[in-house]
Amino acid sequence: MPYSEYRGELAVTGWIVLFLSGVLAALYYSYYDLDYFWTFILIAVGPFAGWIVWAEYGFRGNSLSLLIPVTSVCIWTVIRALRTTVAASRRRRLAVAASVWLMSSLFYLLLVLV
């Protein structure tokens, strides 16, 4: 596996996550009237949004039972994508990792808003 190909795929995935974070932040900004930049940051940081929200607002109940598994799944999908040597499989796993990354931050953002 050439290093530049791998680095390019990871960069494209990162740019897609940032672009979709901007689009989702714009949707949340128009619907919930939130601060656009803060919403963008919460969506872009993926599973770490839950830790940021937990530190700032605090969840009710047993919030660590939500934070630890979701963060573990997000990090596990990224690591699995990084360890794959077949290009097609790596691209699929990077797409899954990006989806899980965005969905986890949306999950935490909805927990705060609702």
N, C-alpha and C. Protein backbone atom coordinates (compact mmCIF):
# COMPACT_ATOMS: atom_id res chain seq x y z
N MET A 1 0.85 -1.17 0.00
CA MET A 1 0.00 0.00 0.00
C MET A 1 0.90 1.24 0.00
N PRO A 2 0.79 2.04 -1.03
CA PRO A 2 1.57 3.28 -1.05
C PRO A 2 1.08 4.25 0.02
N TYR A 3 2.04 4.88 0.66
CA TYR A 3 1.72 5.79 1.77
C TYR A 3 0.90 6.98 1.29
N SER A 4 1.19 7.52 0.10
CA SER A 4 0.46 8.69 -0.39
C SER A 4 -1.00 8.36 -0.68
N GLU A 5 -1.28 7.15 -1.17
CA GLU A 5 -2.66 6.75 -1.44
C GLU A 5 -3.44 6.67 -0.12
N TYR A 6 -2.83 6.07 0.87
CA TYR A 6 -3.47 5.94 2.18
C TYR A 6 -3.71 7.32 2.79
N ARG A 7 -2.71 8.18 2.72
CA ARG A 7 -2.84 9.52 3.28
C ARG A 7 -3.91 10.32 2.54
N GLY A 8 -4.01 10.14 1.24
CA GLY A 8 -5.03 10.83 0.46
C GLY A 8 -6.44 10.38 0.82
N GLU A 9 -6.62 9.08 1.01
CA GLU A 9 -7.94 8.57 1.38
C GLU A 9 -8.36 9.08 2.76
N LEU A 10 -7.41 9.12 3.68
CA LEU A 10 -7.71 9.63 5.00
C LEU A 10 -8.03 11.13 4.97
N ALA A 11 -7.31 11.87 4.13
CA ALA A 11 -7.57 13.31 4.00
C ALA A 11 -8.94 13.56 3.38
N VAL A 12 -9.29 12.80 2.36
CA VAL A 12 -10.61 12.96 1.72
C VAL A 12 -11.72 12.65 2.72
N THR A 13 -11.54 11.60 3.51
CA THR A 13 -12.53 11.26 4.53
C THR A 13 -12.67 12.37 5.55
N GLY A 14 -11.55 12.95 5.96
CA GLY A 14 -11.58 14.06 6.90
C GLY A 14 -12.29 15.27 6.34
N TRP A 15 -12.04 15.59 5.08
CA TRP A 15 -12.71 16.73 4.44
C TRP A 15 -14.21 16.48 4.29
N ILE A 16 -14.58 15.25 3.99
CA ILE A 16 -16.01 14.92 3.89
C ILE A 16 -16.69 15.08 5.24
N VAL A 17 -16.04 14.61 6.31
CA VAL A 17 -16.60 14.76 7.65
C VAL A 17 -16.75 16.24 8.00
N LEU A 18 -15.74 17.05 7.68
CA LEU A 18 -15.82 18.49 7.97
C LEU A 18 -16.92 19.16 7.14
N PHE A 19 -17.05 18.78 5.87
CA PHE A 19 -18.10 19.36 5.03
C PHE A 19 -19.49 19.00 5.55
N LEU A 20 -19.68 17.71 5.86
CA LEU A 20 -20.99 17.29 6.38
C LEU A 20 -21.26 17.89 7.76
N SER A 21 -20.22 18.12 8.54
CA SER A 21 -20.40 18.79 9.83
C SER A 21 -20.89 20.21 9.62
N GLY A 22 -20.35 20.89 8.61
CA GLY A 22 -20.80 22.24 8.30
C GLY A 22 -22.24 22.28 7.83
N VAL A 23 -22.62 21.32 7.01
CA VAL A 23 -24.00 21.25 6.52
C VAL A 23 -24.96 20.96 7.67
N LEU A 24 -24.61 19.99 8.50
CA LEU A 24 -25.47 19.66 9.64
C LEU A 24 -25.54 20.80 10.65
N ALA A 25 -24.43 21.50 10.84
CA ALA A 25 -24.44 22.65 11.75
C ALA A 25 -25.34 23.74 11.20
N ALA A 26 -25.34 23.94 9.89
CA ALA A 26 -26.22 24.94 9.28
C ALA A 26 -27.69 24.56 9.47
N LEU A 27 -27.99 23.28 9.34
CA LEU A 27 -29.37 22.82 9.56
C LEU A 27 -29.80 23.02 11.02
N TYR A 28 -28.92 22.66 11.94
CA TYR A 28 -29.23 22.86 13.35
C TYR A 28 -29.33 24.34 13.69
N TYR A 29 -28.48 25.15 13.07
CA TYR A 29 -28.49 26.59 13.32
C TYR A 29 -29.83 27.19 12.89
N SER A 30 -30.32 26.77 11.73
CA SER A 30 -31.58 27.33 11.24
C SER A 30 -32.79 26.81 12.02
N TYR A 31 -32.72 25.58 12.52
CA TYR A 31 -33.87 24.99 13.19
C TYR A 31 -33.90 25.31 14.69
N TYR A 32 -32.77 25.18 15.35
CA TYR A 32 -32.74 25.36 16.80
C TYR A 32 -32.21 26.72 17.24
N ASP A 33 -31.74 27.53 16.31
CA ASP A 33 -31.20 28.86 16.60
C ASP A 33 -30.03 28.77 17.59
N LEU A 34 -29.07 27.91 17.25
CA LEU A 34 -27.88 27.73 18.07
C LEU A 34 -26.72 28.53 17.50
N ASP A 35 -25.66 28.65 18.28
CA ASP A 35 -24.43 29.26 17.80
C ASP A 35 -23.84 28.34 16.73
N TYR A 36 -23.62 28.86 15.52
CA TYR A 36 -23.19 28.03 14.40
C TYR A 36 -21.81 27.41 14.66
N PHE A 37 -20.85 28.20 15.11
CA PHE A 37 -19.49 27.70 15.29
C PHE A 37 -19.44 26.61 16.37
N TRP A 38 -20.12 26.82 17.49
CA TRP A 38 -20.13 25.83 18.56
C TRP A 38 -20.80 24.53 18.10
N THR A 39 -21.86 24.65 17.32
CA THR A 39 -22.54 23.47 16.79
C THR A 39 -21.64 22.73 15.82
N PHE A 40 -20.93 23.47 14.96
CA PHE A 40 -20.00 22.85 14.01
C PHE A 40 -18.91 22.08 14.75
N ILE A 41 -18.36 22.68 15.79
CA ILE A 41 -17.30 22.02 16.56
C ILE A 41 -17.83 20.75 17.21
N LEU A 42 -19.04 20.82 17.79
CA LEU A 42 -19.60 19.64 18.45
C LEU A 42 -19.85 18.50 17.46
N ILE A 43 -20.25 18.82 16.25
CA ILE A 43 -20.49 17.78 15.26
C ILE A 43 -19.17 17.25 14.71
N ALA A 44 -18.21 18.11 14.49
CA ALA A 44 -16.95 17.69 13.87
C ALA A 44 -16.09 16.82 14.78
N VAL A 45 -16.17 17.00 16.08
CA VAL A 45 -15.30 16.23 16.97
C VAL A 45 -15.81 14.83 17.25
N GLY A 46 -16.95 14.49 16.69
CA GLY A 46 -17.45 13.11 16.76
C GLY A 46 -17.78 12.66 18.16
N PRO A 47 -17.24 11.51 18.58
CA PRO A 47 -17.62 10.97 19.88
C PRO A 47 -17.15 11.82 21.06
N PHE A 48 -16.19 12.67 20.83
CA PHE A 48 -15.70 13.51 21.91
C PHE A 48 -16.67 14.65 22.23
N ALA A 49 -17.68 14.83 21.38
CA ALA A 49 -18.73 15.81 21.67
C ALA A 49 -19.47 15.43 22.94
N GLY A 50 -19.67 14.15 23.14
CA GLY A 50 -20.34 13.70 24.36
C GLY A 50 -19.56 14.05 25.60
N TRP A 51 -18.25 13.93 25.53
CA TRP A 51 -17.42 14.28 26.68
C TRP A 51 -17.42 15.78 26.92
N ILE A 52 -17.44 16.57 25.84
CA ILE A 52 -17.50 18.03 25.97
C ILE A 52 -18.83 18.44 26.60
N VAL A 53 -19.91 17.86 26.09
CA VAL A 53 -21.24 18.17 26.61
C VAL A 53 -21.36 17.71 28.06
N TRP A 54 -20.81 16.54 28.36
CA TRP A 54 -20.86 16.02 29.72
C TRP A 54 -20.10 16.93 30.68
N ALA A 55 -18.95 17.43 30.24
CA ALA A 55 -18.16 18.32 31.10
C ALA A 55 -18.84 19.67 31.30
N GLU A 56 -19.53 20.14 30.26
CA GLU A 56 -20.14 21.46 30.36
C GLU A 56 -21.52 21.43 31.01
N TYR A 57 -22.38 20.54 30.55
CA TYR A 57 -23.77 20.53 31.04
C TYR A 57 -24.04 19.43 32.05
N GLY A 58 -23.40 18.29 31.86
CA GLY A 58 -23.66 17.14 32.72
C GLY A 58 -24.93 16.43 32.29
N PHE A 59 -24.86 15.14 32.07
CA PHE A 59 -26.04 14.35 31.74
C PHE A 59 -26.69 13.87 33.02
N ARG A 60 -27.95 13.62 32.95
CA ARG A 60 -28.66 13.06 34.09
C ARG A 60 -28.55 11.53 34.04
N GLY A 61 -28.59 10.94 35.18
CA GLY A 61 -28.53 9.48 35.23
C GLY A 61 -27.10 8.97 35.06
N ASN A 62 -27.01 7.77 34.56
CA ASN A 62 -25.71 7.13 34.39
C ASN A 62 -25.15 7.45 33.01
N SER A 63 -24.58 8.63 32.86
CA SER A 63 -24.13 9.09 31.55
C SER A 63 -22.89 8.36 31.05
N LEU A 64 -22.06 7.88 31.92
CA LEU A 64 -20.87 7.16 31.48
C LEU A 64 -21.22 5.84 30.80
N SER A 65 -22.39 5.28 31.11
CA SER A 65 -22.81 4.07 30.43
C SER A 65 -23.14 4.35 28.97
N LEU A 66 -23.38 5.59 28.62
CA LEU A 66 -23.56 5.98 27.23
C LEU A 66 -22.24 6.42 26.59
N LEU A 67 -21.45 7.17 27.30
CA LEU A 67 -20.24 7.76 26.73
C LEU A 67 -19.18 6.72 26.38
N ILE A 68 -18.92 5.82 27.28
CA ILE A 68 -17.83 4.87 27.07
C ILE A 68 -18.08 3.93 25.89
N PRO A 69 -19.24 3.27 25.77
CA PRO A 69 -19.43 2.37 24.63
C PRO A 69 -19.45 3.09 23.27
N VAL A 70 -20.09 4.23 23.20
CA VAL A 70 -20.16 4.93 21.92
C VAL A 70 -18.78 5.43 21.50
N THR A 71 -18.02 5.95 22.43
CA THR A 71 -16.66 6.39 22.11
C THR A 71 -15.80 5.20 21.70
N SER A 72 -15.94 4.09 22.36
CA SER A 72 -15.17 2.89 22.02
C SER A 72 -15.50 2.39 20.62
N VAL A 73 -16.77 2.38 20.27
CA VAL A 73 -17.18 1.92 18.93
C VAL A 73 -16.63 2.86 17.86
N CYS A 74 -16.67 4.15 18.10
CA CYS A 74 -16.16 5.11 17.12
C CYS A 74 -14.65 4.95 16.92
N ILE A 75 -13.93 4.84 17.99
CA ILE A 75 -12.47 4.68 17.88
C ILE A 75 -12.13 3.33 17.27
N TRP A 76 -12.89 2.28 17.61
CA TRP A 76 -12.64 0.96 17.05
C TRP A 76 -12.85 0.94 15.54
N THR A 77 -13.89 1.60 15.02
CA THR A 77 -14.10 1.62 13.57
C THR A 77 -12.99 2.37 12.85
N VAL A 78 -12.49 3.44 13.44
CA VAL A 78 -11.39 4.18 12.82
C VAL A 78 -10.12 3.32 12.81
N ILE A 79 -9.83 2.65 13.91
CA ILE A 79 -8.63 1.80 13.96
C ILE A 79 -8.73 0.64 12.97
N ARG A 80 -9.90 0.04 12.87
CA ARG A 80 -10.10 -1.05 11.89
C ARG A 80 -9.89 -0.54 10.47
N ALA A 81 -10.34 0.66 10.18
CA ALA A 81 -10.14 1.21 8.84
C ALA A 81 -8.67 1.51 8.58
N LEU A 82 -7.95 1.94 9.59
CA LEU A 82 -6.54 2.27 9.41
C LEU A 82 -5.67 1.03 9.23
N ARG A 83 -6.07 -0.09 9.78
CA ARG A 83 -5.26 -1.31 9.70
C ARG A 83 -5.49 -2.13 8.43
N THR A 84 -6.49 -1.82 7.65
CA THR A 84 -6.80 -2.59 6.46
C THR A 84 -5.82 -2.25 5.35
N THR A 85 -5.35 -3.27 4.64
CA THR A 85 -4.39 -3.05 3.57
C THR A 85 -5.02 -3.06 2.18
N VAL A 86 -6.19 -3.67 2.01
CA VAL A 86 -6.87 -3.71 0.72
C VAL A 86 -7.60 -2.38 0.52
N ALA A 87 -7.38 -1.75 -0.64
CA ALA A 87 -7.88 -0.39 -0.88
C ALA A 87 -9.41 -0.31 -0.83
N ALA A 88 -10.10 -1.25 -1.48
CA ALA A 88 -11.57 -1.20 -1.50
C ALA A 88 -12.14 -1.39 -0.10
N SER A 89 -11.59 -2.32 0.63
CA SER A 89 -12.06 -2.56 2.00
C SER A 89 -11.75 -1.36 2.89
N ARG A 90 -10.60 -0.75 2.70
CA ARG A 90 -10.23 0.42 3.49
C ARG A 90 -11.20 1.58 3.24
N ARG A 91 -11.59 1.78 1.98
CA ARG A 91 -12.52 2.86 1.65
C ARG A 91 -13.89 2.62 2.26
N ARG A 92 -14.35 1.38 2.21
CA ARG A 92 -15.64 1.05 2.84
C ARG A 92 -15.57 1.27 4.35
N ARG A 93 -14.51 0.83 4.95
CA ARG A 93 -14.38 0.99 6.40
C ARG A 93 -14.21 2.44 6.80
N LEU A 94 -13.54 3.23 5.97
CA LEU A 94 -13.43 4.66 6.25
C LEU A 94 -14.80 5.33 6.14
N ALA A 95 -15.62 4.88 5.19
CA ALA A 95 -16.98 5.43 5.06
C ALA A 95 -17.82 5.07 6.29
N VAL A 96 -17.69 3.84 6.76
CA VAL A 96 -18.42 3.44 7.97
C VAL A 96 -17.91 4.22 9.16
N ALA A 97 -16.60 4.38 9.26
CA ALA A 97 -16.02 5.14 10.38
C ALA A 97 -16.50 6.58 10.37
N ALA A 98 -16.56 7.20 9.19
CA ALA A 98 -17.04 8.59 9.10
C ALA A 98 -18.52 8.68 9.48
N SER A 99 -19.31 7.70 9.06
CA SER A 99 -20.73 7.70 9.41
C SER A 99 -20.93 7.54 10.91
N VAL A 100 -20.22 6.62 11.51
CA VAL A 100 -20.33 6.41 12.96
C VAL A 100 -19.85 7.65 13.70
N TRP A 101 -18.79 8.26 13.19
CA TRP A 101 -18.24 9.47 13.80
C TRP A 101 -19.29 10.57 13.84
N LEU A 102 -19.97 10.81 12.71
CA LEU A 102 -20.98 11.87 12.65
C LEU A 102 -22.23 11.51 13.45
N MET A 103 -22.65 10.26 13.38
CA MET A 103 -23.86 9.86 14.10
C MET A 103 -23.68 9.96 15.61
N SER A 104 -22.48 9.68 16.10
CA SER A 104 -22.27 9.77 17.54
C SER A 104 -22.38 11.22 18.01
N SER A 105 -21.83 12.14 17.25
CA SER A 105 -21.93 13.54 17.67
C SER A 105 -23.37 14.05 17.55
N LEU A 106 -24.10 13.60 16.54
CA LEU A 106 -25.51 13.99 16.44
C LEU A 106 -26.32 13.42 17.59
N PHE A 107 -25.99 12.21 18.00
CA PHE A 107 -26.65 11.58 19.14
C PHE A 107 -26.48 12.44 20.39
N TYR A 108 -25.27 12.88 20.66
CA TYR A 108 -25.04 13.70 21.84
C TYR A 108 -25.65 15.07 21.71
N LEU A 109 -25.64 15.64 20.52
CA LEU A 109 -26.22 16.95 20.31
C LEU A 109 -27.73 16.89 20.52
N LEU A 110 -28.37 15.84 20.04
CA LEU A 110 -29.82 15.69 20.26
C LEU A 110 -30.14 15.46 21.72
N LEU A 111 -29.24 14.77 22.44
CA LEU A 111 -29.46 14.57 23.87
C LEU A 111 -29.47 15.90 24.62
N VAL A 112 -28.65 16.83 24.17
CA VAL A 112 -28.58 18.14 24.82
C VAL A 112 -29.80 18.97 24.45
N LEU A 113 -30.24 18.89 23.19
CA LEU A 113 -31.31 19.76 22.72
C LEU A 113 -32.70 19.33 23.16
N VAL A 114 -32.88 18.04 23.36
CA VAL A 114 -34.23 17.55 23.67
C VAL A 114 -34.43 17.40 25.14
